[in-house]
Amino acid sequence: MRNFVKMAVLAAFASVGLSGAARAADECTAAQGLVDKAITHYKAAGQAKSYADFMDKGNKDWVNGELYVIVATMDGIFKAHAINPKLIDNPDLPKLKDVNGVMIIQEMIKAGKSGPAGAWAKYTWTHPETKKLAPKQTWVKASGDLLFMAGCYPAS
């Protein structure tokens, strides 16, 4: 009976770990989908309407917890960022480094310019739930002269 209980406890812990990893994978897949959806919306609705929508924290289509749209110029100047609007038009932002010296915005620019399919920019950032430094990645895809982005915290 004890072995059965031990196995049940271990199985429960394993399933929690897997569901956490699966959740992280789902969030990263959702980030990629959100970027494609944002590009489509931008093309259909235009700049003013799409930026207003992307910046509306109450609009779950574009802002859902840690999943949200960022739009930047090819030089890394943010034009839409619902979570921290102070970052918009900040000329110092492209110089931002993580704790490991990774030039975060430069990585985003490089990822966006890497090809039409899009790519991941990887860096270290403070996880909003744990408040600890964690690997983060942002899916970046160029459309016209803009970069569309959404980030996630992958399973480690």
N, C-alpha and C. Protein backbone atom coordinates (compact mmCIF):
# COMPACT_ATOMS: atom_id res chain seq x y z
N MET A 1 0.82 -1.19 0.00
CA MET A 1 0.00 0.00 0.00
C MET A 1 0.87 1.26 0.00
N ARG A 2 1.95 1.25 0.81
CA ARG A 2 2.84 2.41 0.85
C ARG A 2 3.43 2.71 -0.52
N ASN A 3 3.86 1.66 -1.22
CA ASN A 3 4.42 1.87 -2.55
C ASN A 3 3.40 2.49 -3.49
N PHE A 4 2.16 2.06 -3.36
CA PHE A 4 1.11 2.63 -4.19
C PHE A 4 0.94 4.12 -3.91
N VAL A 5 0.95 4.50 -2.62
CA VAL A 5 0.80 5.90 -2.24
C VAL A 5 1.99 6.71 -2.76
N LYS A 6 3.20 6.17 -2.59
CA LYS A 6 4.39 6.87 -3.09
C LYS A 6 4.29 7.07 -4.59
N MET A 7 3.88 6.04 -5.30
CA MET A 7 3.77 6.14 -6.76
C MET A 7 2.71 7.16 -7.16
N ALA A 8 1.62 7.18 -6.41
CA ALA A 8 0.55 8.14 -6.71
C ALA A 8 1.03 9.57 -6.48
N VAL A 9 1.78 9.78 -5.40
CA VAL A 9 2.32 11.12 -5.12
C VAL A 9 3.31 11.52 -6.21
N LEU A 10 4.21 10.61 -6.57
CA LEU A 10 5.18 10.91 -7.63
C LEU A 10 4.48 11.21 -8.95
N ALA A 11 3.46 10.44 -9.26
CA ALA A 11 2.71 10.67 -10.50
C ALA A 11 2.03 12.04 -10.48
N ALA A 12 1.52 12.42 -9.33
CA ALA A 12 0.87 13.74 -9.21
C ALA A 12 1.88 14.85 -9.45
N PHE A 13 3.08 14.73 -8.83
CA PHE A 13 4.12 15.74 -9.05
C PHE A 13 4.55 15.77 -10.51
N ALA A 14 4.69 14.62 -11.11
CA ALA A 14 5.11 14.56 -12.52
C ALA A 14 4.07 15.22 -13.41
N SER A 15 2.80 14.99 -13.13
CA SER A 15 1.76 15.58 -13.97
C SER A 15 1.71 17.10 -13.81
N VAL A 16 1.99 17.59 -12.60
CA VAL A 16 2.04 19.04 -12.40
C VAL A 16 3.18 19.63 -13.22
N GLY A 17 4.34 18.97 -13.17
CA GLY A 17 5.49 19.44 -13.95
C GLY A 17 5.19 19.44 -15.44
N LEU A 18 4.56 18.38 -15.91
CA LEU A 18 4.24 18.31 -17.32
C LEU A 18 3.20 19.35 -17.70
N SER A 19 2.22 19.57 -16.83
CA SER A 19 1.20 20.56 -17.18
C SER A 19 1.81 21.95 -17.19
N GLY A 20 2.79 22.22 -16.30
CA GLY A 20 3.48 23.51 -16.33
C GLY A 20 4.26 23.68 -17.61
N ALA A 21 4.95 22.61 -18.05
CA ALA A 21 5.71 22.67 -19.30
C ALA A 21 4.75 22.81 -20.48
N ALA A 22 3.64 22.07 -20.42
CA ALA A 22 2.66 22.17 -21.50
C ALA A 22 2.05 23.56 -21.55
N ARG A 23 1.79 24.14 -20.37
CA ARG A 23 1.23 25.49 -20.32
C ARG A 23 2.21 26.49 -20.94
N ALA A 24 3.50 26.37 -20.61
CA ALA A 24 4.51 27.27 -21.18
C ALA A 24 4.58 27.11 -22.69
N ALA A 25 4.53 25.86 -23.16
CA ALA A 25 4.56 25.61 -24.61
C ALA A 25 3.32 26.21 -25.26
N ASP A 26 2.17 26.07 -24.61
CA ASP A 26 0.93 26.65 -25.14
C ASP A 26 1.03 28.17 -25.20
N GLU A 27 1.63 28.80 -24.17
CA GLU A 27 1.78 30.25 -24.16
C GLU A 27 2.68 30.71 -25.29
N CYS A 28 3.74 29.96 -25.54
CA CYS A 28 4.66 30.34 -26.62
C CYS A 28 4.00 30.15 -27.99
N THR A 29 3.23 29.09 -28.14
CA THR A 29 2.48 28.89 -29.38
C THR A 29 1.44 30.00 -29.53
N ALA A 30 0.80 30.38 -28.43
CA ALA A 30 -0.19 31.46 -28.46
C ALA A 30 0.47 32.78 -28.83
N ALA A 31 1.70 33.01 -28.38
CA ALA A 31 2.42 34.25 -28.72
C ALA A 31 2.62 34.33 -30.23
N GLN A 32 2.99 33.21 -30.85
CA GLN A 32 3.18 33.20 -32.30
C GLN A 32 1.86 33.50 -33.01
N GLY A 33 0.79 32.89 -32.55
CA GLY A 33 -0.53 33.12 -33.15
C GLY A 33 -0.99 34.56 -32.97
N LEU A 34 -0.69 35.13 -31.79
CA LEU A 34 -1.10 36.50 -31.52
C LEU A 34 -0.39 37.47 -32.46
N VAL A 35 0.86 37.22 -32.76
CA VAL A 35 1.60 38.09 -33.68
C VAL A 35 0.96 38.04 -35.07
N ASP A 36 0.66 36.86 -35.55
CA ASP A 36 0.01 36.74 -36.87
C ASP A 36 -1.35 37.44 -36.88
N LYS A 37 -2.10 37.26 -35.81
CA LYS A 37 -3.41 37.90 -35.68
C LYS A 37 -3.27 39.43 -35.66
N ALA A 38 -2.24 39.93 -34.98
CA ALA A 38 -2.01 41.38 -34.89
C ALA A 38 -1.65 41.96 -36.26
N ILE A 39 -0.82 41.25 -37.00
CA ILE A 39 -0.45 41.72 -38.34
C ILE A 39 -1.68 41.79 -39.23
N THR A 40 -2.50 40.77 -39.18
CA THR A 40 -3.74 40.75 -39.98
C THR A 40 -4.64 41.91 -39.58
N HIS A 41 -4.78 42.14 -38.28
CA HIS A 41 -5.63 43.23 -37.79
C HIS A 41 -5.08 44.58 -38.23
N TYR A 42 -3.77 44.75 -38.12
CA TYR A 42 -3.13 46.02 -38.52
C TYR A 42 -3.40 46.30 -40.00
N LYS A 43 -3.26 45.30 -40.84
CA LYS A 43 -3.48 45.47 -42.28
C LYS A 43 -4.94 45.80 -42.58
N ALA A 44 -5.86 45.23 -41.83
CA ALA A 44 -7.29 45.45 -42.08
C ALA A 44 -7.80 46.74 -41.45
N ALA A 45 -7.37 47.04 -40.23
CA ALA A 45 -7.93 48.17 -39.48
C ALA A 45 -7.11 49.45 -39.59
N GLY A 46 -5.85 49.33 -39.97
CA GLY A 46 -5.00 50.50 -40.06
C GLY A 46 -4.27 50.77 -38.75
N GLN A 47 -3.34 51.70 -38.82
CA GLN A 47 -2.47 51.98 -37.68
C GLN A 47 -3.22 52.51 -36.47
N ALA A 48 -4.02 53.56 -36.63
CA ALA A 48 -4.66 54.21 -35.48
C ALA A 48 -5.58 53.23 -34.73
N LYS A 49 -6.42 52.54 -35.44
CA LYS A 49 -7.37 51.60 -34.81
C LYS A 49 -6.63 50.42 -34.18
N SER A 50 -5.67 49.86 -34.89
CA SER A 50 -4.98 48.69 -34.34
C SER A 50 -4.14 49.06 -33.11
N TYR A 51 -3.45 50.20 -33.15
CA TYR A 51 -2.69 50.62 -31.97
C TYR A 51 -3.62 50.83 -30.78
N ALA A 52 -4.76 51.47 -31.00
CA ALA A 52 -5.73 51.68 -29.92
C ALA A 52 -6.19 50.33 -29.35
N ASP A 53 -6.46 49.38 -30.23
CA ASP A 53 -6.89 48.06 -29.79
C ASP A 53 -5.77 47.35 -29.01
N PHE A 54 -4.55 47.39 -29.54
CA PHE A 54 -3.42 46.72 -28.89
C PHE A 54 -3.13 47.32 -27.51
N MET A 55 -3.41 48.60 -27.34
CA MET A 55 -3.12 49.30 -26.09
C MET A 55 -4.23 49.20 -25.04
N ASP A 56 -5.37 48.65 -25.42
CA ASP A 56 -6.53 48.55 -24.53
C ASP A 56 -6.37 47.34 -23.61
N LYS A 57 -5.98 47.58 -22.36
CA LYS A 57 -5.75 46.48 -21.40
C LYS A 57 -7.00 45.65 -21.14
N GLY A 58 -8.17 46.21 -21.39
CA GLY A 58 -9.42 45.47 -21.18
C GLY A 58 -9.81 44.60 -22.36
N ASN A 59 -9.11 44.70 -23.47
CA ASN A 59 -9.44 43.95 -24.67
C ASN A 59 -8.67 42.63 -24.67
N LYS A 60 -9.34 41.55 -24.28
CA LYS A 60 -8.70 40.25 -24.13
C LYS A 60 -8.22 39.67 -25.46
N ASP A 61 -8.65 40.25 -26.57
CA ASP A 61 -8.13 39.80 -27.86
C ASP A 61 -6.66 40.14 -28.00
N TRP A 62 -6.23 41.22 -27.33
CA TRP A 62 -4.87 41.72 -27.51
C TRP A 62 -4.05 41.76 -26.23
N VAL A 63 -4.69 41.76 -25.08
CA VAL A 63 -3.97 41.79 -23.80
C VAL A 63 -4.62 40.76 -22.89
N ASN A 64 -3.87 39.68 -22.63
CA ASN A 64 -4.40 38.62 -21.78
C ASN A 64 -3.29 38.19 -20.82
N GLY A 65 -3.23 38.85 -19.68
CA GLY A 65 -2.17 38.56 -18.71
C GLY A 65 -0.82 38.96 -19.27
N GLU A 66 0.09 38.00 -19.33
CA GLU A 66 1.43 38.27 -19.85
C GLU A 66 1.51 38.13 -21.36
N LEU A 67 0.41 37.84 -22.00
CA LEU A 67 0.38 37.71 -23.45
C LEU A 67 -0.23 38.98 -24.04
N TYR A 68 0.59 39.75 -24.73
CA TYR A 68 0.14 41.01 -25.31
C TYR A 68 1.00 41.36 -26.51
N VAL A 69 0.50 42.27 -27.33
CA VAL A 69 1.16 42.67 -28.56
C VAL A 69 2.07 43.87 -28.30
N ILE A 70 3.24 43.82 -28.91
CA ILE A 70 4.14 44.98 -28.96
C ILE A 70 4.38 45.26 -30.44
N VAL A 71 4.38 46.52 -30.80
CA VAL A 71 4.73 46.92 -32.17
C VAL A 71 5.90 47.89 -32.06
N ALA A 72 6.90 47.69 -32.90
CA ALA A 72 8.09 48.56 -32.90
C ALA A 72 8.52 48.87 -34.32
N THR A 73 9.29 49.94 -34.44
CA THR A 73 9.91 50.26 -35.73
C THR A 73 11.08 49.30 -35.94
N MET A 74 11.64 49.32 -37.12
CA MET A 74 12.80 48.47 -37.43
C MET A 74 14.05 48.92 -36.65
N ASP A 75 13.98 50.09 -36.03
CA ASP A 75 15.07 50.58 -35.19
C ASP A 75 14.85 50.25 -33.72
N GLY A 76 13.75 49.56 -33.40
CA GLY A 76 13.48 49.16 -32.03
C GLY A 76 12.77 50.18 -31.18
N ILE A 77 12.14 51.15 -31.80
CA ILE A 77 11.36 52.14 -31.06
C ILE A 77 9.92 51.61 -30.95
N PHE A 78 9.47 51.38 -29.72
CA PHE A 78 8.13 50.83 -29.50
C PHE A 78 7.06 51.86 -29.87
N LYS A 79 6.03 51.37 -30.55
CA LYS A 79 4.89 52.20 -30.95
C LYS A 79 3.60 51.77 -30.25
N ALA A 80 3.56 50.54 -29.79
CA ALA A 80 2.40 50.03 -29.03
C ALA A 80 2.92 49.05 -27.99
N HIS A 81 2.51 49.26 -26.73
CA HIS A 81 2.89 48.37 -25.62
C HIS A 81 1.91 48.64 -24.48
N ALA A 82 0.89 47.80 -24.36
CA ALA A 82 -0.19 48.03 -23.40
C ALA A 82 0.26 47.95 -21.95
N ILE A 83 1.20 47.08 -21.64
CA ILE A 83 1.59 46.85 -20.26
C ILE A 83 2.43 48.00 -19.70
N ASN A 84 3.28 48.58 -20.54
CA ASN A 84 4.11 49.69 -20.08
C ASN A 84 4.18 50.78 -21.16
N PRO A 85 3.15 51.62 -21.24
CA PRO A 85 3.10 52.67 -22.27
C PRO A 85 4.26 53.66 -22.20
N LYS A 86 4.97 53.73 -21.05
CA LYS A 86 6.12 54.63 -20.93
C LYS A 86 7.25 54.22 -21.87
N LEU A 87 7.22 52.98 -22.36
CA LEU A 87 8.26 52.51 -23.27
C LEU A 87 8.07 53.04 -24.70
N ILE A 88 6.88 53.54 -24.99
CA ILE A 88 6.59 54.02 -26.35
C ILE A 88 7.42 55.27 -26.65
N ASP A 89 8.02 55.24 -27.83
CA ASP A 89 8.85 56.35 -28.34
C ASP A 89 10.05 56.67 -27.45
N ASN A 90 10.51 55.71 -26.65
CA ASN A 90 11.67 55.90 -25.79
C ASN A 90 12.94 55.65 -26.60
N PRO A 91 13.73 56.70 -26.88
CA PRO A 91 14.91 56.53 -27.74
C PRO A 91 16.04 55.73 -27.09
N ASP A 92 15.98 55.55 -25.77
CA ASP A 92 17.02 54.78 -25.07
C ASP A 92 16.73 53.28 -25.05
N LEU A 93 15.52 52.90 -25.39
CA LEU A 93 15.11 51.50 -25.31
C LEU A 93 16.01 50.55 -26.12
N PRO A 94 16.42 50.91 -27.33
CA PRO A 94 17.27 49.98 -28.10
C PRO A 94 18.60 49.65 -27.42
N LYS A 95 18.97 50.37 -26.38
CA LYS A 95 20.22 50.10 -25.65
C LYS A 95 20.01 49.17 -24.46
N LEU A 96 18.76 48.74 -24.21
CA LEU A 96 18.42 47.92 -23.05
C LEU A 96 19.14 46.57 -23.07
N LYS A 97 19.79 46.24 -21.94
CA LYS A 97 20.49 44.96 -21.78
C LYS A 97 19.86 44.17 -20.64
N ASP A 98 19.91 42.84 -20.77
CA ASP A 98 19.49 42.01 -19.64
C ASP A 98 20.68 41.82 -18.71
N VAL A 99 20.51 41.03 -17.65
CA VAL A 99 21.56 40.84 -16.65
C VAL A 99 22.79 40.13 -17.21
N ASN A 100 22.63 39.47 -18.34
CA ASN A 100 23.74 38.76 -18.98
C ASN A 100 24.41 39.57 -20.08
N GLY A 101 23.97 40.81 -20.24
CA GLY A 101 24.55 41.67 -21.26
C GLY A 101 23.92 41.53 -22.63
N VAL A 102 22.85 40.74 -22.74
CA VAL A 102 22.15 40.60 -24.01
C VAL A 102 21.42 41.90 -24.33
N MET A 103 21.65 42.43 -25.50
CA MET A 103 20.95 43.64 -25.95
C MET A 103 19.56 43.20 -26.41
N ILE A 104 18.59 43.31 -25.53
CA ILE A 104 17.26 42.74 -25.74
C ILE A 104 16.61 43.26 -27.02
N ILE A 105 16.51 44.56 -27.18
CA ILE A 105 15.82 45.12 -28.34
C ILE A 105 16.59 44.81 -29.62
N GLN A 106 17.91 44.81 -29.53
CA GLN A 106 18.72 44.46 -30.71
C GLN A 106 18.45 43.01 -31.12
N GLU A 107 18.25 42.12 -30.13
CA GLU A 107 17.91 40.72 -30.43
C GLU A 107 16.54 40.64 -31.10
N MET A 108 15.61 41.47 -30.65
CA MET A 108 14.28 41.50 -31.26
C MET A 108 14.37 41.98 -32.71
N ILE A 109 15.15 43.02 -32.94
CA ILE A 109 15.33 43.54 -34.30
C ILE A 109 15.95 42.46 -35.19
N LYS A 110 17.00 41.81 -34.70
CA LYS A 110 17.67 40.76 -35.47
C LYS A 110 16.70 39.62 -35.79
N ALA A 111 15.90 39.23 -34.81
CA ALA A 111 14.93 38.15 -35.03
C ALA A 111 13.91 38.56 -36.08
N GLY A 112 13.41 39.78 -35.99
CA GLY A 112 12.41 40.25 -36.94
C GLY A 112 12.94 40.37 -38.36
N LYS A 113 14.20 40.71 -38.48
CA LYS A 113 14.81 40.89 -39.80
C LYS A 113 15.38 39.59 -40.36
N SER A 114 15.30 38.50 -39.60
CA SER A 114 15.94 37.24 -40.01
C SER A 114 15.23 36.55 -41.17
N GLY A 115 13.99 36.91 -41.42
CA GLY A 115 13.26 36.30 -42.53
C GLY A 115 11.77 36.47 -42.33
N PRO A 116 11.00 36.20 -43.37
CA PRO A 116 9.56 36.45 -43.32
C PRO A 116 8.77 35.55 -42.37
N ALA A 117 9.34 34.43 -41.98
CA ALA A 117 8.62 33.50 -41.11
C ALA A 117 8.57 33.97 -39.66
N GLY A 118 9.49 34.86 -39.25
CA GLY A 118 9.58 35.27 -37.86
C GLY A 118 10.59 34.43 -37.12
N ALA A 119 10.98 34.89 -35.93
CA ALA A 119 11.97 34.17 -35.13
C ALA A 119 11.86 34.59 -33.68
N TRP A 120 12.49 33.81 -32.81
CA TRP A 120 12.50 34.09 -31.38
C TRP A 120 13.70 34.94 -30.99
N ALA A 121 13.47 35.95 -30.17
CA ALA A 121 14.53 36.69 -29.49
C ALA A 121 14.56 36.15 -28.08
N LYS A 122 15.73 35.74 -27.60
CA LYS A 122 15.84 35.11 -26.28
C LYS A 122 16.71 35.95 -25.36
N TYR A 123 16.24 36.09 -24.12
CA TYR A 123 16.93 36.91 -23.13
C TYR A 123 16.44 36.54 -21.74
N THR A 124 16.94 37.22 -20.72
CA THR A 124 16.53 36.96 -19.34
C THR A 124 15.72 38.15 -18.84
N TRP A 125 14.61 37.85 -18.15
CA TRP A 125 13.73 38.90 -17.66
C TRP A 125 13.11 38.43 -16.35
N THR A 126 12.57 39.34 -15.58
CA THR A 126 11.91 38.98 -14.33
C THR A 126 10.55 38.36 -14.63
N HIS A 127 10.35 37.14 -14.14
CA HIS A 127 9.08 36.45 -14.35
C HIS A 127 8.01 37.14 -13.48
N PRO A 128 6.86 37.49 -14.06
CA PRO A 128 5.85 38.23 -13.30
C PRO A 128 5.23 37.45 -12.14
N GLU A 129 5.22 36.13 -12.20
CA GLU A 129 4.63 35.35 -11.12
C GLU A 129 5.64 35.06 -10.01
N THR A 130 6.84 34.64 -10.39
CA THR A 130 7.83 34.25 -9.38
C THR A 130 8.67 35.45 -8.90
N LYS A 131 8.67 36.53 -9.68
CA LYS A 131 9.50 37.72 -9.40
C LYS A 131 10.99 37.40 -9.42
N LYS A 132 11.35 36.28 -10.05
CA LYS A 132 12.75 35.88 -10.18
C LYS A 132 13.16 35.97 -11.64
N LEU A 133 14.46 36.14 -11.87
CA LEU A 133 14.96 36.16 -13.24
C LEU A 133 14.71 34.80 -13.88
N ALA A 134 14.28 34.84 -15.15
CA ALA A 134 13.96 33.61 -15.86
C ALA A 134 14.20 33.81 -17.35
N PRO A 135 14.42 32.72 -18.07
CA PRO A 135 14.53 32.84 -19.53
C PRO A 135 13.20 33.32 -20.10
N LYS A 136 13.28 34.26 -21.01
CA LYS A 136 12.09 34.74 -21.70
C LYS A 136 12.40 34.75 -23.18
N GLN A 137 11.38 34.58 -23.98
CA GLN A 137 11.56 34.70 -25.42
C GLN A 137 10.39 35.46 -26.01
N THR A 138 10.70 36.21 -27.04
CA THR A 138 9.69 37.02 -27.71
C THR A 138 9.67 36.64 -29.19
N TRP A 139 8.48 36.31 -29.67
CA TRP A 139 8.31 35.98 -31.09
C TRP A 139 8.22 37.30 -31.85
N VAL A 140 9.03 37.46 -32.85
CA VAL A 140 9.12 38.70 -33.61
C VAL A 140 8.94 38.40 -35.08
N LYS A 141 8.05 39.17 -35.71
CA LYS A 141 7.80 39.01 -37.13
C LYS A 141 7.66 40.39 -37.75
N ALA A 142 8.35 40.60 -38.84
CA ALA A 142 8.28 41.88 -39.55
C ALA A 142 7.09 41.88 -40.50
N SER A 143 6.49 43.05 -40.61
CA SER A 143 5.45 43.29 -41.61
C SER A 143 5.62 44.73 -42.06
N GLY A 144 5.93 44.89 -43.33
CA GLY A 144 6.23 46.23 -43.82
C GLY A 144 7.45 46.76 -43.09
N ASP A 145 7.33 47.97 -42.54
CA ASP A 145 8.45 48.57 -41.82
C ASP A 145 8.30 48.49 -40.30
N LEU A 146 7.51 47.51 -39.84
CA LEU A 146 7.27 47.35 -38.40
C LEU A 146 7.59 45.93 -37.94
N LEU A 147 7.88 45.82 -36.65
CA LEU A 147 8.07 44.54 -36.00
C LEU A 147 6.89 44.30 -35.07
N PHE A 148 6.27 43.15 -35.19
CA PHE A 148 5.16 42.76 -34.32
C PHE A 148 5.68 41.66 -33.40
N MET A 149 5.36 41.77 -32.10
CA MET A 149 5.97 40.87 -31.12
C MET A 149 4.99 40.45 -30.03
N ALA A 150 5.26 39.29 -29.46
CA ALA A 150 4.58 38.81 -28.25
C ALA A 150 5.53 37.83 -27.57
N GLY A 151 5.61 37.89 -26.24
CA GLY A 151 6.57 37.09 -25.51
C GLY A 151 5.96 36.03 -24.61
N CYS A 152 6.83 35.13 -24.15
CA CYS A 152 6.40 34.07 -23.24
C CYS A 152 7.61 33.61 -22.42
N TYR A 153 7.32 32.87 -21.38
CA TYR A 153 8.35 32.27 -20.55
C TYR A 153 8.32 30.77 -20.82
N PRO A 154 9.29 30.27 -21.59
CA PRO A 154 9.29 28.84 -21.93
C PRO A 154 9.60 27.98 -20.72
N ALA A 155 9.20 26.73 -20.78
CA ALA A 155 9.53 25.79 -19.70
C ALA A 155 11.05 25.62 -19.69
N SER A 156 11.61 25.61 -18.50
CA SER A 156 13.08 25.47 -18.45
C SER A 156 13.51 24.05 -18.22
